[in-house]
Amino acid sequence: MNGKLKAALGVFLVVIALCAYFIVAQKSTVPALSLTTYQGEKLELNGLRGKVVLVNFWATSCTTCIHEMPALIATHKQYAAQGYETVAIAMDYDTPGFISAYALKNGLPFKIVHDADGSAAKAFGDIRLTPTTFLVDKQGNIVKRYLGEPDFASLHAEIETLLKAPA
């Protein structure tokens, strides 16, 4: 390999390493949204700082969403007393009647929001597929994004790590 080719390869590798560093180092924070739960409670996402938060975009017409709901309920019940919160955001195409009926029938123990105008989905990166779930640390940083049903054993391990971290 000649000297110029080695130098070009070296520069290329440095550029790739810097790009990778900036992609990894750049943290995405939870959007500053003011939401209203289906029970009429005002919910400021930034007001949940200090807690580990799971934000789940779902729909009553989504079979995977409905399938994962018992595990989301169990996860919430397991960690809520330790500073964990779940916010389930129903998509704009869902209907308020279906959302509240499902929540009541299934005893959903966490905050439920109807994203009637699609603004929450847009603020989280234009969410279109459900379920899409975000795990947020105590500082409001999005640490994980799940498309589809998460592996709940891995999710629980991540939640436990985040709960032990300082606020």
Protein backbone atom coordinates (compact mmCIF):
# COMPACT_ATOMS: atom_id res chain seq x y z
CA MET A 1 0.00 0.00 0.00
CA ASN A 2 1.52 3.34 -0.97
CA GLY A 3 1.89 6.30 1.43
CA LYS A 4 -0.90 8.43 -0.07
CA LEU A 5 -3.39 5.57 0.15
CA LYS A 6 -2.43 4.89 3.78
CA ALA A 7 -2.82 8.59 4.65
CA ALA A 8 -6.23 8.77 2.93
CA LEU A 9 -7.37 5.62 4.73
CA GLY A 10 -6.18 7.09 8.04
CA VAL A 11 -8.10 10.33 7.47
CA PHE A 12 -11.19 8.37 6.44
CA LEU A 13 -11.06 6.27 9.62
CA VAL A 14 -10.69 9.38 11.80
CA VAL A 15 -13.72 10.99 10.11
CA ILE A 16 -15.79 7.81 10.62
CA ALA A 17 -14.74 7.64 14.29
CA LEU A 18 -15.68 11.31 14.86
CA CYS A 19 -19.06 10.85 13.19
CA ALA A 20 -19.76 7.78 15.32
CA TYR A 21 -18.76 9.68 18.47
CA PHE A 22 -21.08 12.60 17.74
CA ILE A 23 -23.98 10.30 16.88
CA VAL A 24 -23.56 8.36 20.13
CA ALA A 25 -22.76 11.40 22.26
CA GLN A 26 -25.77 13.38 21.07
CA LYS A 27 -28.60 12.69 23.52
CA SER A 28 -32.18 13.13 22.54
CA THR A 29 -34.41 14.59 25.22
CA VAL A 30 -38.09 14.05 25.75
CA PRO A 31 -40.11 16.80 24.02
CA ALA A 32 -41.59 19.53 26.21
CA LEU A 33 -45.23 18.61 25.79
CA SER A 34 -48.31 19.60 27.73
CA LEU A 35 -50.85 16.80 27.49
CA THR A 36 -54.23 16.00 29.00
CA THR A 37 -55.00 12.50 30.23
CA TYR A 38 -58.32 10.91 29.37
CA GLN A 39 -59.29 11.54 33.03
CA GLY A 40 -58.78 15.29 32.45
CA GLU A 41 -55.46 15.61 34.35
CA LYS A 42 -52.84 18.02 32.95
CA LEU A 43 -49.55 16.26 32.26
CA GLU A 44 -46.28 18.04 31.54
CA LEU A 45 -43.74 15.52 30.24
CA ASN A 46 -40.92 17.71 31.55
CA GLY A 47 -42.63 17.58 34.94
CA LEU A 48 -41.76 13.89 35.15
CA ARG A 49 -38.04 14.61 35.50
CA GLY A 50 -36.61 12.70 38.42
CA LYS A 51 -38.56 9.60 37.36
CA VAL A 52 -37.78 6.88 34.85
CA VAL A 53 -40.57 7.13 32.25
CA LEU A 54 -41.85 4.79 29.59
CA VAL A 55 -43.75 6.59 26.81
CA ASN A 56 -45.76 4.15 24.73
CA PHE A 57 -47.52 5.13 21.48
CA TRP A 58 -50.37 2.68 20.90
CA ALA A 59 -53.84 2.21 19.43
CA THR A 60 -56.83 0.11 20.38
CA SER A 61 -56.85 -1.24 16.80
CA CYS A 62 -53.21 -2.43 17.04
CA THR A 63 -53.02 -6.15 17.86
CA THR A 64 -49.39 -5.96 19.02
CA CYS A 65 -50.28 -3.02 21.28
CA ILE A 66 -53.12 -4.97 22.85
CA HIS A 67 -50.89 -8.05 23.20
CA GLU A 68 -48.16 -6.12 25.05
CA MET A 69 -50.56 -4.21 27.32
CA PRO A 70 -50.66 -6.82 30.14
CA ALA A 71 -46.84 -6.73 30.28
CA LEU A 72 -46.89 -2.90 30.34
CA ILE A 73 -49.39 -3.05 33.23
CA ALA A 74 -47.24 -5.56 35.12
CA THR A 75 -44.10 -3.50 34.49
CA HIS A 76 -45.80 -0.36 35.76
CA LYS A 77 -47.05 -2.10 38.90
CA GLN A 78 -43.63 -3.63 39.54
CA TYR A 79 -41.68 -0.34 39.40
CA ALA A 80 -44.14 2.51 40.09
CA ALA A 81 -43.30 2.73 43.80
CA GLN A 82 -39.62 3.12 42.91
CA GLY A 83 -40.00 6.27 40.80
CA TYR A 84 -41.21 4.82 37.49
CA GLU A 85 -44.03 6.22 35.38
CA THR A 86 -45.80 4.96 32.26
CA VAL A 87 -47.50 7.30 29.80
CA ALA A 88 -49.58 5.57 27.12
CA ILE A 89 -50.30 7.89 24.21
CA ALA A 90 -53.12 6.70 21.93
CA MET A 91 -52.71 7.71 18.30
CA ASP A 92 -54.79 10.44 16.66
CA TYR A 93 -56.77 7.93 14.57
CA ASP A 94 -58.05 6.18 17.70
CA THR A 95 -61.37 7.28 19.18
CA PRO A 96 -61.84 8.62 22.71
CA GLY A 97 -64.66 6.16 23.38
CA PHE A 98 -62.54 3.13 22.43
CA ILE A 99 -59.59 4.42 24.48
CA SER A 100 -61.56 5.03 27.67
CA ALA A 101 -63.53 1.77 27.30
CA TYR A 102 -60.30 -0.20 26.89
CA ALA A 103 -58.64 1.60 29.81
CA LEU A 104 -61.59 0.95 32.12
CA LYS A 105 -62.15 -2.65 31.04
CA ASN A 106 -58.47 -3.52 31.49
CA GLY A 107 -57.78 -1.40 34.57
CA LEU A 108 -54.87 0.49 33.06
CA PRO A 109 -53.01 1.86 36.10
CA PHE A 110 -50.98 4.51 34.29
CA LYS A 111 -51.51 7.82 32.54
CA ILE A 112 -53.42 7.60 29.24
CA VAL A 113 -53.44 10.39 26.69
CA HIS A 114 -55.27 10.68 23.37
CA ASP A 115 -53.03 12.44 20.85
CA ALA A 116 -56.09 13.83 19.07
CA ASP A 117 -54.18 16.30 16.90
CA GLY A 118 -51.07 14.15 16.35
CA SER A 119 -48.78 16.72 17.97
CA ALA A 120 -47.22 14.27 20.45
CA ALA A 121 -46.43 11.75 17.70
CA LYS A 122 -44.91 14.55 15.62
CA ALA A 123 -42.83 15.83 18.56
CA PHE A 124 -41.37 12.35 19.13
CA GLY A 125 -40.15 12.11 15.53
CA ASP A 126 -43.35 11.70 13.53
CA ILE A 127 -44.42 8.35 14.98
CA ARG A 128 -46.60 6.43 12.55
CA LEU A 129 -46.14 2.79 13.59
CA THR A 130 -47.50 1.28 16.79
CA PRO A 131 -46.41 0.26 19.23
CA THR A 132 -43.46 2.62 19.45
CA THR A 133 -42.04 3.00 22.93
CA PHE A 134 -39.43 5.31 24.47
CA LEU A 135 -37.56 4.73 27.71
CA VAL A 136 -36.58 8.02 29.37
CA ASP A 137 -34.05 8.47 32.18
CA LYS A 138 -34.43 10.71 35.25
CA GLN A 139 -32.85 13.66 33.42
CA GLY A 140 -35.38 13.47 30.58
CA ASN A 141 -33.02 11.82 28.07
CA ILE A 142 -34.43 9.22 25.72
CA VAL A 143 -32.17 6.22 26.29
CA LYS A 144 -33.98 3.60 24.22
CA ARG A 145 -36.55 3.42 21.45
CA TYR A 146 -38.50 0.25 20.75
CA LEU A 147 -40.44 -0.37 17.57
CA GLY A 148 -42.82 -3.24 18.21
CA GLU A 149 -43.14 -5.14 21.46
CA PRO A 150 -39.97 -4.90 23.57
CA ASP A 151 -38.16 -7.83 25.13
CA PHE A 152 -39.55 -7.26 28.62
CA ALA A 153 -36.68 -9.01 30.42
CA SER A 154 -34.21 -6.60 28.78
CA LEU A 155 -36.54 -3.67 29.38
CA HIS A 156 -36.80 -4.54 33.08
CA ALA A 157 -33.01 -4.76 33.37
CA GLU A 158 -32.69 -1.32 31.75
CA ILE A 159 -35.39 0.16 34.03
CA GLU A 160 -33.63 -1.23 37.12
CA THR A 161 -30.32 0.27 36.02
CA LEU A 162 -31.96 3.67 35.39
CA LEU A 163 -33.82 3.60 38.72
CA LYS A 164 -30.52 3.07 40.58
CA ALA A 165 -28.86 6.02 38.81
CA PRO A 166 -28.80 9.41 40.56
CA ALA A 167 -31.46 11.91 39.58
